[in-house]
PDB file of N, CA and C in Angstrom:
ATOM      1  N   MET A   1      -0.488   4.646   3.793  1.00  0.00           N
ATOM      2  CA  MET A   1       0.758   5.372   3.999  1.00  0.00           C
ATOM      3  C   MET A   1       1.059   5.544   5.489  1.00  0.00           C
ATOM      4  N   ALA A   2       0.067   6.007   6.265  1.00  0.00           N
ATOM      5  CA  ALA A   2       0.292   6.223   7.696  1.00  0.00           C
ATOM      6  C   ALA A   2       0.609   4.909   8.391  1.00  0.00           C
ATOM      7  N   PHE A   3      -0.073   3.844   7.989  1.00  0.00           N
ATOM      8  CA  PHE A   3       0.162   2.551   8.621  1.00  0.00           C
ATOM      9  C   PHE A   3       1.580   2.071   8.342  1.00  0.00           C
ATOM     10  N   THR A   4       2.011   2.179   7.096  1.00  0.00           N
ATOM     11  CA  THR A   4       3.359   1.746   6.718  1.00  0.00           C
ATOM     12  C   THR A   4       4.414   2.576   7.453  1.00  0.00           C
ATOM     13  N   LEU A   5       4.232   3.880   7.478  1.00  0.00           N
ATOM     14  CA  LEU A   5       5.167   4.753   8.195  1.00  0.00           C
ATOM     15  C   LEU A   5       5.217   4.385   9.673  1.00  0.00           C
ATOM     16  N   HIS A   6       4.056   4.179  10.266  1.00  0.00           N
ATOM     17  CA  HIS A   6       3.982   3.824  11.685  1.00  0.00           C
ATOM     18  C   HIS A   6       4.682   2.493  11.956  1.00  0.00           C
ATOM     19  N   LEU A   7       4.413   1.516  11.129  1.00  0.00           N
ATOM     20  CA  LEU A   7       4.997   0.187  11.311  1.00  0.00           C
ATOM     21  C   LEU A   7       6.521   0.225  11.202  1.00  0.00           C
ATOM     22  N   TYR A   8       7.032   0.837  10.137  1.00  0.00           N
ATOM     23  CA  TYR A   8       8.474   0.856   9.921  1.00  0.00           C
ATOM     24  C   TYR A   8       9.219   1.699  10.951  1.00  0.00           C
ATOM     25  N   THR A   9       8.681   2.863  11.276  1.00  0.00           N
ATOM     26  CA  THR A   9       9.372   3.703  12.254  1.00  0.00           C
ATOM     27  C   THR A   9       9.337   3.075  13.647  1.00  0.00           C
ATOM     28  N   SER A  10       8.251   2.394  13.969  1.00  0.00           N
ATOM     29  CA  SER A  10       8.152   1.745  15.280  1.00  0.00           C
ATOM     30  C   SER A  10       9.160   0.610  15.414  1.00  0.00           C
ATOM     31  N   PHE A  11       9.211  -0.259  14.416  1.00  0.00           N
ATOM     32  CA  PHE A  11      10.163  -1.373  14.482  1.00  0.00           C
ATOM     33  C   PHE A  11      11.605  -0.882  14.431  1.00  0.00           C
ATOM     34  N   PHE A  12      11.865   0.138  13.620  1.00  0.00           N
ATOM     35  CA  PHE A  12      13.200   0.724  13.557  1.00  0.00           C
ATOM     36  C   PHE A  12      13.597   1.282  14.924  1.00  0.00           C
ATOM     37  N   ALA A  13      12.685   2.031  15.548  1.00  0.00           N
ATOM     38  CA  ALA A  13      12.961   2.628  16.858  1.00  0.00           C
ATOM     39  C   ALA A  13      13.140   1.561  17.929  1.00  0.00           C
ATOM     40  N   LEU A  14      12.429   0.458  17.807  1.00  0.00           N
ATOM     41  CA  LEU A  14      12.576  -0.634  18.770  1.00  0.00           C
ATOM     42  C   LEU A  14      14.009  -1.182  18.731  1.00  0.00           C
ATOM     43  N   GLY A  15      14.524  -1.422  17.537  1.00  0.00           N
ATOM     44  CA  GLY A  15      15.888  -1.940  17.397  1.00  0.00           C
ATOM     45  C   GLY A  15      16.957  -0.913  17.750  1.00  0.00           C
ATOM     46  N   LEU A  16      16.825   0.292  17.215  1.00  0.00           N
ATOM     47  CA  LEU A  16      17.822   1.325  17.485  1.00  0.00           C
ATOM     48  C   LEU A  16      17.822   1.718  18.953  1.00  0.00           C
ATOM     49  N   GLY A  17      16.661   1.747  19.566  1.00  0.00           N
ATOM     50  CA  GLY A  17      16.570   2.075  20.992  1.00  0.00           C
ATOM     51  C   GLY A  17      17.325   1.084  21.850  1.00  0.00           C
ATOM     52  N   ALA A  18      17.231  -0.195  21.493  1.00  0.00           N
ATOM     53  CA  ALA A  18      17.971  -1.219  22.244  1.00  0.00           C
ATOM     54  C   ALA A  18      19.474  -0.987  22.119  1.00  0.00           C
ATOM     55  N   ILE A  19      19.920  -0.658  20.923  1.00  0.00           N
ATOM     56  CA  ILE A  19      21.344  -0.369  20.711  1.00  0.00           C
ATOM     57  C   ILE A  19      21.765   0.832  21.547  1.00  0.00           C
ATOM     58  N   LEU A  20      20.956   1.880  21.533  1.00  0.00           N
ATOM     59  CA  LEU A  20      21.276   3.084  22.301  1.00  0.00           C
ATOM     60  C   LEU A  20      21.366   2.806  23.799  1.00  0.00           C
ATOM     61  N   LEU A  21      20.473   1.977  24.299  1.00  0.00           N
ATOM     62  CA  LEU A  21      20.501   1.665  25.729  1.00  0.00           C
ATOM     63  C   LEU A  21      21.737   0.866  26.124  1.00  0.00           C
ATOM     64  N   LEU A  22      22.230   0.043  25.213  1.00  0.00           N
ATOM     65  CA  LEU A  22      23.363  -0.823  25.524  1.00  0.00           C
ATOM     66  C   LEU A  22      24.721  -0.189  25.221  1.00  0.00           C
ATOM     67  N   ALA A  23      24.744   0.783  24.316  1.00  0.00           N
ATOM     68  CA  ALA A  23      26.015   1.371  23.861  1.00  0.00           C
ATOM     69  C   ALA A  23      26.505   2.458  24.810  1.00  0.00           C
ATOM     70  N   HIS A  24      27.755   2.848  24.597  1.00  0.00           N
ATOM     71  CA  HIS A  24      28.366   3.936  25.358  1.00  0.00           C
ATOM     72  C   HIS A  24      27.611   5.233  25.101  1.00  0.00           C
ATOM     73  N   LYS A  25      27.453   6.032  26.138  1.00  0.00           N
ATOM     74  CA  LYS A  25      26.664   7.262  26.053  1.00  0.00           C
ATOM     75  C   LYS A  25      27.553   8.503  25.943  1.00  0.00           C
ATOM     76  N   GLY A  26      26.998   9.555  25.361  1.00  0.00           N
ATOM     77  CA  GLY A  26      27.636  10.860  25.359  1.00  0.00           C
ATOM     78  C   GLY A  26      28.589  11.141  24.216  1.00  0.00           C
ATOM     79  N   ASN A  27      28.854  10.161  23.381  1.00  0.00           N
ATOM     80  CA  ASN A  27      29.783  10.395  22.272  1.00  0.00           C
ATOM     81  C   ASN A  27      29.007  10.758  21.002  1.00  0.00           C
ATOM     82  N   ALA A  28      29.724  11.062  19.944  1.00  0.00           N
ATOM     83  CA  ALA A  28      29.097  11.491  18.691  1.00  0.00           C
ATOM     84  C   ALA A  28      28.157  10.433  18.102  1.00  0.00           C
ATOM     85  N   PRO A  29      28.559   9.153  18.070  1.00  0.00           N
ATOM     86  CA  PRO A  29      27.616   8.158  17.550  1.00  0.00           C
ATOM     87  C   PRO A  29      26.317   8.081  18.370  1.00  0.00           C
ATOM     88  N   HIS A  30      26.438   8.201  19.686  1.00  0.00           N
ATOM     89  CA  HIS A  30      25.235   8.181  20.528  1.00  0.00           C
ATOM     90  C   HIS A  30      24.331   9.361  20.190  1.00  0.00           C
ATOM     91  N   ARG A  31      24.920  10.517  20.032  1.00  0.00           N
ATOM     92  CA  ARG A  31      24.123  11.710  19.718  1.00  0.00           C
ATOM     93  C   ARG A  31      23.431  11.563  18.360  1.00  0.00           C
ATOM     94  N   LEU A  32      24.161  11.086  17.360  1.00  0.00           N
ATOM     95  CA  LEU A  32      23.580  10.914  16.029  1.00  0.00           C
ATOM     96  C   LEU A  32      22.461   9.865  16.048  1.00  0.00           C
ATOM     97  N   MET A  33      22.752   8.712  16.656  1.00  0.00           N
ATOM     98  CA  MET A  33      21.721   7.673  16.732  1.00  0.00           C
ATOM     99  C   MET A  33      20.539   8.139  17.568  1.00  0.00           C
ATOM    100  N   GLY A  34      20.809   8.923  18.598  1.00  0.00           N
ATOM    101  CA  GLY A  34      19.739   9.440  19.439  1.00  0.00           C
ATOM    102  C   GLY A  34      18.821  10.381  18.688  1.00  0.00           C
ATOM    103  N   ILE A  35      19.393  11.243  17.877  1.00  0.00           N
ATOM    104  CA  ILE A  35      18.581  12.155  17.061  1.00  0.00           C
ATOM    105  C   ILE A  35      17.718  11.356  16.089  1.00  0.00           C
ATOM    106  N   ILE A  36      18.318  10.364  15.455  1.00  0.00           N
ATOM    107  CA  ILE A  36      17.574   9.524  14.513  1.00  0.00           C
ATOM    108  C   ILE A  36      16.461   8.781  15.246  1.00  0.00           C
ATOM    109  N   TRP A  37      16.757   8.282  16.460  1.00  0.00           N
ATOM    110  CA  TRP A  37      15.752   7.556  17.247  1.00  0.00           C
ATOM    111  C   TRP A  37      14.586   8.473  17.622  1.00  0.00           C
ATOM    112  N   VAL A  38      14.890   9.678  18.071  1.00  0.00           N
ATOM    113  CA  VAL A  38      13.832  10.628  18.437  1.00  0.00           C
ATOM    114  C   VAL A  38      12.968  10.942  17.220  1.00  0.00           C
ATOM    115  N   LEU A  39      13.575  11.139  16.063  1.00  0.00           N
ATOM    116  CA  LEU A  39      12.803  11.403  14.849  1.00  0.00           C
ATOM    117  C   LEU A  39      11.914  10.216  14.488  1.00  0.00           C
ATOM    118  N   ALA A  40      12.456   9.008  14.596  1.00  0.00           N
ATOM    119  CA  ALA A  40      11.657   7.816  14.302  1.00  0.00           C
ATOM    120  C   ALA A  40      10.491   7.689  15.281  1.00  0.00           C
ATOM    121  N   MET A  41      10.762   7.935  16.556  1.00  0.00           N
ATOM    122  CA  MET A  41       9.692   7.862  17.562  1.00  0.00           C
ATOM    123  C   MET A  41       8.635   8.927  17.312  1.00  0.00           C
ATOM    124  N   ALA A  42       9.054  10.129  16.970  1.00  0.00           N
ATOM    125  CA  ALA A  42       8.092  11.208  16.706  1.00  0.00           C
ATOM    126  C   ALA A  42       7.242  10.876  15.482  1.00  0.00           C
ATOM    127  N   LEU A  43       7.859  10.351  14.434  1.00  0.00           N
ATOM    128  CA  LEU A  43       7.100   9.950  13.249  1.00  0.00           C
ATOM    129  C   LEU A  43       6.127   8.827  13.576  1.00  0.00           C
ATOM    130  N   SER A  44       6.566   7.890  14.385  1.00  0.00           N
ATOM    131  CA  SER A  44       5.685   6.800  14.794  1.00  0.00           C
ATOM    132  C   SER A  44       4.483   7.331  15.568  1.00  0.00           C
ATOM    133  N   ALA A  45       4.736   8.203  16.528  1.00  0.00           N
ATOM    134  CA  ALA A  45       3.649   8.763  17.330  1.00  0.00           C
ATOM    135  C   ALA A  45       2.714   9.611  16.473  1.00  0.00           C
ATOM    136  N   LEU A  46       3.266  10.471  15.640  1.00  0.00           N
ATOM    137  CA  LEU A  46       2.437  11.337  14.800  1.00  0.00           C
ATOM    138  C   LEU A  46       1.611  10.540  13.797  1.00  0.00           C
ATOM    139  N   SER A  47       2.227   9.521  13.196  1.00  0.00           N
ATOM    140  CA  SER A  47       1.492   8.720  12.208  1.00  0.00           C
ATOM    141  C   SER A  47       0.346   7.949  12.851  1.00  0.00           C
ATOM    142  N   SER A  48       0.425   7.664  14.131  1.00  0.00           N
ATOM    143  CA  SER A  48      -0.643   6.914  14.802  1.00  0.00           C
ATOM    144  C   SER A  48      -1.956   7.688  14.822  1.00  0.00           C
ATOM    145  N   PHE A  49      -1.891   9.006  14.718  1.00  0.00           N
ATOM    146  CA  PHE A  49      -3.119   9.800  14.753  1.00  0.00           C
ATOM    147  C   PHE A  49      -3.973   9.612  13.503  1.00  0.00           C
ATOM    148  N   TRP A  50      -3.410   9.008  12.461  1.00  0.00           N
ATOM    149  CA  TRP A  50      -4.180   8.713  11.249  1.00  0.00           C
ATOM    150  C   TRP A  50      -4.667   7.276  11.241  1.00  0.00           C
ATOM    151  N   LEU A  51      -4.365   6.531  12.292  1.00  0.00           N
ATOM    152  CA  LEU A  51      -4.797   5.136  12.381  1.00  0.00           C
ATOM    153  C   LEU A  51      -5.992   5.022  13.310  1.00  0.00           C
ATOM    154  N   GLY A  52      -6.829   4.040  13.060  1.00  0.00           N
ATOM    155  CA  GLY A  52      -7.962   3.789  13.942  1.00  0.00           C
ATOM    156  C   GLY A  52      -7.482   3.248  15.279  1.00  0.00           C
ATOM    157  N   GLY A  53      -8.300   3.424  16.300  1.00  0.00           N
ATOM    158  CA  GLY A  53      -7.898   3.020  17.636  1.00  0.00           C
ATOM    159  C   GLY A  53      -8.539   1.751  18.138  1.00  0.00           C
ATOM    160  N   GLY A  54      -9.242   1.048  17.283  1.00  0.00           N
ATOM    161  CA  GLY A  54      -9.871  -0.187  17.728  1.00  0.00           C
ATOM    162  C   GLY A  54     -11.295   0.040  18.209  1.00  0.00           C
ATOM    163  N   ALA A  55     -11.733  -0.802  19.108  1.00  0.00           N
ATOM    164  CA  ALA A  55     -13.139  -0.810  19.531  1.00  0.00           C
ATOM    165  C   ALA A  55     -13.486   0.309  20.508  1.00  0.00           C
ATOM    166  N   GLN A  56     -12.557   0.711  21.343  1.00  0.00           N
ATOM    167  CA  GLN A  56     -12.852   1.722  22.368  1.00  0.00           C
ATOM    168  C   GLN A  56     -12.429   3.109  21.889  1.00  0.00           C
ATOM    169  N   THR A  57     -13.333   3.809  21.251  1.00  0.00           N
ATOM    170  CA  THR A  57     -12.989   5.145  20.775  1.00  0.00           C
ATOM    171  C   THR A  57     -13.440   6.195  21.785  1.00  0.00           C
ATOM    172  N   LEU A  58     -12.691   7.287  21.823  1.00  0.00           N
ATOM    173  CA  LEU A  58     -13.014   8.413  22.695  1.00  0.00           C
ATOM    174  C   LEU A  58     -13.752   9.491  21.913  1.00  0.00           C
ATOM    175  N   ALA A  59     -13.208   9.833  20.755  1.00  0.00           N
ATOM    176  CA  ALA A  59     -13.807  10.844  19.883  1.00  0.00           C
ATOM    177  C   ALA A  59     -13.379  10.534  18.455  1.00  0.00           C
ATOM    178  N   GLY A  60     -14.344  10.356  17.574  1.00  0.00           N
ATOM    179  CA  GLY A  60     -14.010   9.986  16.197  1.00  0.00           C
ATOM    180  C   GLY A  60     -13.318   8.636  16.187  1.00  0.00           C
ATOM    181  N   HIS A  61     -12.154   8.574  15.549  1.00  0.00           N
ATOM    182  CA  HIS A  61     -11.392   7.318  15.525  1.00  0.00           C
ATOM    183  C   HIS A  61     -10.312   7.277  16.609  1.00  0.00           C
ATOM    184  N   PHE A  62     -10.264   8.286  17.466  1.00  0.00           N
ATOM    185  CA  PHE A  62      -9.245   8.337  18.518  1.00  0.00           C
ATOM    186  C   PHE A  62      -9.648   7.477  19.709  1.00  0.00           C
ATOM    187  N   SER A  63      -8.658   6.782  20.259  1.00  0.00           N
ATOM    188  CA  SER A  63      -8.889   5.884  21.391  1.00  0.00           C
ATOM    189  C   SER A  63      -7.847   6.154  22.476  1.00  0.00           C
ATOM    190  N   PRO A  64      -7.910   5.430  23.569  1.00  0.00           N
ATOM    191  CA  PRO A  64      -6.910   5.621  24.630  1.00  0.00           C
ATOM    192  C   PRO A  64      -5.465   5.446  24.157  1.00  0.00           C
ATOM    193  N   ILE A  65      -5.240   4.620  23.163  1.00  0.00           N
ATOM    194  CA  ILE A  65      -3.872   4.427  22.676  1.00  0.00           C
ATOM    195  C   ILE A  65      -3.313   5.724  22.089  1.00  0.00           C
ATOM    196  N   HIS A  66      -4.185   6.566  21.562  1.00  0.00           N
ATOM    197  CA  HIS A  66      -3.717   7.844  21.023  1.00  0.00           C
ATOM    198  C   HIS A  66      -3.246   8.786  22.126  1.00  0.00           C
ATOM    199  N   LEU A  67      -3.769   8.608  23.328  1.00  0.00           N
ATOM    200  CA  LEU A  67      -3.269   9.389  24.463  1.00  0.00           C
ATOM    201  C   LEU A  67      -1.822   9.015  24.755  1.00  0.00           C
ATOM    202  N   LEU A  68      -1.484   7.750  24.558  1.00  0.00           N
ATOM    203  CA  LEU A  68      -0.095   7.318  24.738  1.00  0.00           C
ATOM    204  C   LEU A  68       0.816   7.940  23.675  1.00  0.00           C
ATOM    205  N   SER A  69       0.303   8.080  22.466  1.00  0.00           N
ATOM    206  CA  SER A  69       1.089   8.735  21.414  1.00  0.00           C
ATOM    207  C   SER A  69       1.344  10.194  21.767  1.00  0.00           C
ATOM    208  N   LEU A  70       0.335  10.841  22.281  1.00  0.00           N
ATOM    209  CA  LEU A  70       0.491  12.224  22.719  1.00  0.00           C
ATOM    210  C   LEU A  70       1.512  12.314  23.854  1.00  0.00           C
ATOM    211  N   TRP A  71       1.405  11.397  24.810  1.00  0.00           N
ATOM    212  CA  TRP A  71       2.359  11.367  25.925  1.00  0.00           C
ATOM    213  C   TRP A  71       3.785  11.113  25.419  1.00  0.00           C
ATOM    214  N   MET A  72       3.931  10.274  24.398  1.00  0.00           N
ATOM    215  CA  MET A  72       5.256   9.993  23.838  1.00  0.00           C
ATOM    216  C   MET A  72       5.875  11.273  23.275  1.00  0.00           C
ATOM    217  N   LEU A  73       5.087  12.078  22.600  1.00  0.00           N
ATOM    218  CA  LEU A  73       5.600  13.337  22.066  1.00  0.00           C
ATOM    219  C   LEU A  73       6.044  14.268  23.194  1.00  0.00           C
ATOM    220  N   VAL A  74       5.302  14.266  24.290  1.00  0.00           N
ATOM    221  CA  VAL A  74       5.677  15.067  25.459  1.00  0.00           C
ATOM    222  C   VAL A  74       6.988  14.548  26.049  1.00  0.00           C
ATOM    223  N   ALA A  75       7.085  13.238  26.218  1.00  0.00           N
ATOM    224  CA  ALA A  75       8.291  12.630  26.803  1.00  0.00           C
ATOM    225  C   ALA A  75       9.524  12.906  25.948  1.00  0.00           C
ATOM    226  N   LEU A  76       9.392  12.783  24.636  1.00  0.00           N
ATOM    227  CA  LEU A  76      10.523  13.056  23.749  1.00  0.00           C
ATOM    228  C   LEU A  76      10.956  14.512  23.851  1.00  0.00           C
ATOM    229  N   THR A  77       9.991  15.409  23.920  1.00  0.00           N
ATOM    230  CA  THR A  77      10.304  16.838  24.025  1.00  0.00           C
ATOM    231  C   THR A  77      11.021  17.150  25.336  1.00  0.00           C
ATOM    232  N   ILE A  78      10.509  16.633  26.433  1.00  0.00           N
ATOM    233  CA  ILE A  78      11.144  16.880  27.738  1.00  0.00           C
ATOM    234  C   ILE A  78      12.545  16.265  27.778  1.00  0.00           C
ATOM    235  N   GLY A  79      12.680  15.065  27.252  1.00  0.00           N
ATOM    236  CA  GLY A  79      13.983  14.403  27.233  1.00  0.00           C
ATOM    237  C   GLY A  79      15.017  15.151  26.419  1.00  0.00           C
ATOM    238  N   MET A  80      14.597  15.671  25.277  1.00  0.00           N
ATOM    239  CA  MET A  80      15.533  16.436  24.439  1.00  0.00           C
ATOM    240  C   MET A  80      15.873  17.782  25.081  1.00  0.00           C
ATOM    241  N   ARG A  81      14.892  18.439  25.643  1.00  0.00           N
ATOM    242  CA  ARG A  81      15.167  19.717  26.312  1.00  0.00           C
ATOM    243  C   ARG A  81      16.126  19.508  27.485  1.00  0.00           C
ATOM    244  N   ALA A  82      15.963  18.382  28.182  1.00  0.00           N
ATOM    245  CA  ALA A  82      16.825  18.095  29.329  1.00  0.00           C
ATOM    246  C   ALA A  82      18.286  17.989  28.906  1.00  0.00           C
ATOM    247  N   ILE A  83      18.554  17.236  27.845  1.00  0.00           N
ATOM    248  CA  ILE A  83      19.947  17.054  27.441  1.00  0.00           C
ATOM    249  C   ILE A  83      20.523  18.345  26.872  1.00  0.00           C
ATOM    250  N   LEU A  84      19.703  19.136  26.212  1.00  0.00           N
ATOM    251  CA  LEU A  84      20.182  20.414  25.684  1.00  0.00           C
ATOM    252  C   LEU A  84      20.538  21.381  26.806  1.00  0.00           C
ATOM    253  N   LYS A  85      19.946  21.185  27.972  1.00  0.00           N
ATOM    254  CA  LYS A  85      20.257  22.022  29.140  1.00  0.00           C
ATOM    255  C   LYS A  85      21.285  21.353  30.054  1.00  0.00           C
ATOM    256  N   GLY A  86      21.831  20.218  29.622  1.00  0.00           N
ATOM    257  CA  GLY A  86      22.862  19.543  30.396  1.00  0.00           C
ATOM    258  C   GLY A  86      22.352  18.691  31.539  1.00  0.00           C
ATOM    259  N   ARG A  87      21.085  18.426  31.585  1.00  0.00           N
ATOM    260  CA  ARG A  87      20.492  17.599  32.649  1.00  0.00           C
ATOM    261  C   ARG A  87      20.482  16.131  32.208  1.00  0.00           C
ATOM    262  N   VAL A  88      21.633  15.503  32.353  1.00  0.00           N
ATOM    263  CA  VAL A  88      21.837  14.153  31.840  1.00  0.00           C
ATOM    264  C   VAL A  88      20.924  13.134  32.530  1.00  0.00           C
ATOM    265  N   ALA A  89      20.816  13.201  33.848  1.00  0.00           N
ATOM    266  CA  ALA A  89      19.988  12.233  34.569  1.00  0.00           C
ATOM    267  C   ALA A  89      18.518  12.360  34.170  1.00  0.00           C
ATOM    268  N   GLN A  90      18.052  13.577  34.025  1.00  0.00           N
ATOM    269  CA  GLN A  90      16.662  13.785  33.606  1.00  0.00           C
ATOM    270  C   GLN A  90      16.459  13.258  32.186  1.00  0.00           C
ATOM    271  N   HIS A  91      17.401  13.531  31.298  1.00  0.00           N
ATOM    272  CA  HIS A  91      17.350  13.038  29.920  1.00  0.00           C
ATOM    273  C   HIS A  91      17.279  11.512  29.910  1.00  0.00           C
ATOM    274  N   ARG A  92      18.172  10.901  30.686  1.00  0.00           N
ATOM    275  CA  ARG A  92      18.227   9.440  30.749  1.00  0.00           C
ATOM    276  C   ARG A  92      16.882   8.859  31.183  1.00  0.00           C
ATOM    277  N   GLY A  93      16.295   9.449  32.212  1.00  0.00           N
ATOM    278  CA  GLY A  93      15.025   8.956  32.718  1.00  0.00           C
ATOM    279  C   GLY A  93      13.898   9.058  31.703  1.00  0.00           C
ATOM    280  N   TRP A  94      13.798  10.185  31.038  1.00  0.00           N
ATOM    281  CA  TRP A  94      12.723  10.364  30.062  1.00  0.00           C
ATOM    282  C   TRP A  94      12.915   9.486  28.837  1.00  0.00           C
ATOM    283  N   MET A  95      14.160   9.326  28.397  1.00  0.00           N
ATOM    284  CA  MET A  95      14.404   8.500  27.209  1.00  0.00           C
ATOM    285  C   MET A  95      14.213   7.016  27.516  1.00  0.00           C
ATOM    286  N   ARG A  96      14.649   6.592  28.688  1.00  0.00           N
ATOM    287  CA  ARG A  96      14.387   5.198  29.083  1.00  0.00           C
ATOM    288  C   ARG A  96      12.887   4.958  29.180  1.00  0.00           C
ATOM    289  N   GLY A  97      12.183   5.904  29.779  1.00  0.00           N
ATOM    290  CA  GLY A  97      10.734   5.782  29.889  1.00  0.00           C
ATOM    291  C   GLY A  97      10.063   5.719  28.531  1.00  0.00           C
ATOM    292  N   ALA A  98      10.530   6.546  27.597  1.00  0.00           N
ATOM    293  CA  ALA A  98       9.973   6.534  26.242  1.00  0.00           C
ATOM    294  C   ALA A  98      10.217   5.185  25.580  1.00  0.00           C
ATOM    295  N   TYR A  99      11.428   4.636  25.764  1.00  0.00           N
ATOM    296  CA  TYR A  99      11.718   3.330  25.167  1.00  0.00           C
ATOM    297  C   TYR A  99      10.858   2.239  25.802  1.00  0.00           C
ATOM    298  N   LEU A 100      10.708   2.282  27.116  1.00  0.00           N
ATOM    299  CA  LEU A 100       9.855   1.282  27.769  1.00  0.00           C
ATOM    300  C   LEU A 100       8.405   1.411  27.307  1.00  0.00           C
ATOM    301  N   GLY A 101       7.959   2.643  27.037  1.00  0.00           N
ATOM    302  CA  GLY A 101       6.626   2.838  26.471  1.00  0.00           C
ATOM    303  C   GLY A 101       6.495   2.194  25.105  1.00  0.00           C
ATOM    304  N   LEU A 102       7.543   2.318  24.298  1.00  0.00           N
ATOM    305  CA  LEU A 102       7.552   1.678  22.985  1.00  0.00           C
ATOM    306  C   LEU A 102       7.504   0.159  23.130  1.00  0.00           C
ATOM    307  N   VAL A 103       8.293  -0.378  24.048  1.00  0.00           N
ATOM    308  CA  VAL A 103       8.282  -1.827  24.279  1.00  0.00           C
ATOM    309  C   VAL A 103       6.890  -2.279  24.722  1.00  0.00           C
ATOM    310  N   GLY A 104       6.273  -1.507  25.618  1.00  0.00           N
ATOM    311  CA  GLY A 104       4.922  -1.836  26.064  1.00  0.00           C
ATOM    312  C   GLY A 104       3.923  -1.809  24.923  1.00  0.00           C
ATOM    313  N   ALA A 105       4.034  -0.816  24.047  1.00  0.00           N
ATOM    314  CA  ALA A 105       3.144  -0.744  22.885  1.00  0.00           C
ATOM    315  C   ALA A 105       3.364  -1.943  21.971  1.00  0.00           C
ATOM    316  N   PHE A 106       4.631  -2.331  21.794  1.00  0.00           N
ATOM    317  CA  PHE A 106       4.922  -3.502  20.966  1.00  0.00           C
ATOM    318  C   PHE A 106       4.302  -4.756  21.564  1.00  0.00           C
ATOM    319  N   ILE A 107       4.438  -4.929  22.860  1.00  0.00           N
ATOM    320  CA  ILE A 107       3.832  -6.096  23.516  1.00  0.00           C
ATOM    321  C   ILE A 107       2.320  -6.083  23.298  1.00  0.00           C
ATOM    322  N   GLY A 108       1.723  -4.894  23.344  1.00  0.00           N
ATOM    323  CA  GLY A 108       0.293  -4.781  23.090  1.00  0.00           C
ATOM    324  C   GLY A 108      -0.103  -5.209  21.688  1.00  0.00           C
ATOM    325  N   THR A 109       0.796  -5.024  20.710  1.00  0.00           N
ATOM    326  CA  THR A 109       0.482  -5.438  19.337  1.00  0.00           C
ATOM    327  C   THR A 109       0.488  -6.951  19.186  1.00  0.00           C
ATOM    328  N   LEU A 110       1.004  -7.651  20.195  1.00  0.00           N
ATOM    329  CA  LEU A 110       1.044  -9.114  20.132  1.00  0.00           C
ATOM    330  C   LEU A 110      -0.221  -9.754  20.699  1.00  0.00           C
ATOM    331  N   ALA A 111      -1.159  -8.924  21.140  1.00  0.00           N
ATOM    332  CA  ALA A 111      -2.414  -9.436  21.703  1.00  0.00           C
ATOM    333  C   ALA A 111      -3.258 -10.092  20.609  1.00  0.00           C
ATOM    334  N   PRO A 112      -4.099 -11.032  20.989  1.00  0.00           N
ATOM    335  CA  PRO A 112      -4.975 -11.687  20.000  1.00  0.00           C
ATOM    336  C   PRO A 112      -5.813 -10.671  19.224  1.00  0.00           C
ATOM    337  N   GLY A 113      -5.887 -10.884  17.917  1.00  0.00           N
ATOM    338  CA  GLY A 113      -6.688 -10.026  17.061  1.00  0.00           C
ATOM    339  C   GLY A 113      -5.956  -8.822  16.509  1.00  0.00           C
ATOM    340  N   ARG A 114      -4.776  -8.518  17.009  1.00  0.00           N
ATOM    341  CA  ARG A 114      -4.008  -7.370  16.503  1.00  0.00           C
ATOM    342  C   ARG A 114      -3.282  -7.777  15.221  1.00  0.00           C
ATOM    343  N   TRP A 115      -3.072  -6.819  14.335  1.00  0.00           N
ATOM    344  CA  TRP A 115      -2.503  -7.091  13.021  1.00  0.00           C
ATOM    345  C   TRP A 115      -1.125  -7.750  13.107  1.00  0.00           C
ATOM    346  N   VAL A 116      -0.234  -7.199  13.935  1.00  0.00           N
ATOM    347  CA  VAL A 116       1.122  -7.754  14.042  1.00  0.00           C
ATOM    348  C   VAL A 116       1.066  -9.203  14.529  1.00  0.00           C
ATOM    349  N   ALA A 117       0.245  -9.453  15.533  1.00  0.00           N
ATOM    350  CA  ALA A 117       0.118 -10.822  16.055  1.00  0.00           C
ATOM    351  C   ALA A 117      -0.386 -11.760  14.964  1.00  0.00           C
ATOM    352  N   ASN A 118      -1.356 -11.309  14.184  1.00  0.00           N
ATOM    353  CA  ASN A 118      -1.871 -12.135  13.096  1.00  0.00           C
ATOM    354  C   ASN A 118      -0.806 -12.407  12.038  1.00  0.00           C
ATOM    355  N   GLN A 119      -0.023 -11.375  11.694  1.00  0.00           N
ATOM    356  CA  GLN A 119       1.026 -11.540  10.687  1.00  0.00           C
ATOM    357  C   GLN A 119       2.112 -12.497  11.159  1.00  0.00           C
ATOM    358  N   LEU A 120       2.358 -12.512  12.455  1.00  0.00           N
ATOM    359  CA  LEU A 120       3.368 -13.417  13.023  1.00  0.00           C
ATOM    360  C   LEU A 120       2.814 -14.813  13.282  1.00  0.00           C
ATOM    361  N   GLY A 121       1.513 -14.974  13.076  1.00  0.00           N
ATOM    362  CA  GLY A 121       0.879 -16.278  13.290  1.00  0.00           C
ATOM    363  C   GLY A 121       0.789 -16.681  14.736  1.00  0.00           C
ATOM    364  N   LEU A 122       0.681 -15.696  15.641  1.00  0.00           N
ATOM    365  CA  LEU A 122       0.673 -16.017  17.067  1.00  0.00           C
ATOM    366  C   LEU A 122      -0.667 -16.556  17.542  1.00  0.00           C
ATOM    367  N   TRP A 123      -1.757 -16.134  16.939  1.00  0.00           N
ATOM    368  CA  TRP A 123      -3.077 -16.547  17.430  1.00  0.00           C
ATOM    369  C   TRP A 123      -3.914 -17.119  16.332  1.00  0.00           C
TER     370      TRP A 123
END
């Protein structure tokens, strides 16, 4: 269940995030899509805590990648608080950073031996 939730919310957020970055900002559709994107990102980050972290564990099944999930939750919170306080530039920076973090995580899933890379037949 956690794996499926993580996979679907991550890929959904990857696509919706690209649309949000390219579309006009500040209007009702942007706000609605942004809320949906933040929820998808939060679900993706939270669901990762039930997944194993690979070979390099820190404690139990947690690994350095879980620190990135924790950081993502922090970034989403700061970004949302910024826009609620009218700090558009700060919001933009945190949300762009969160999206770039997602892109980086996706690129990491394409590494040899990773499930997504195997499913795509890359290695």
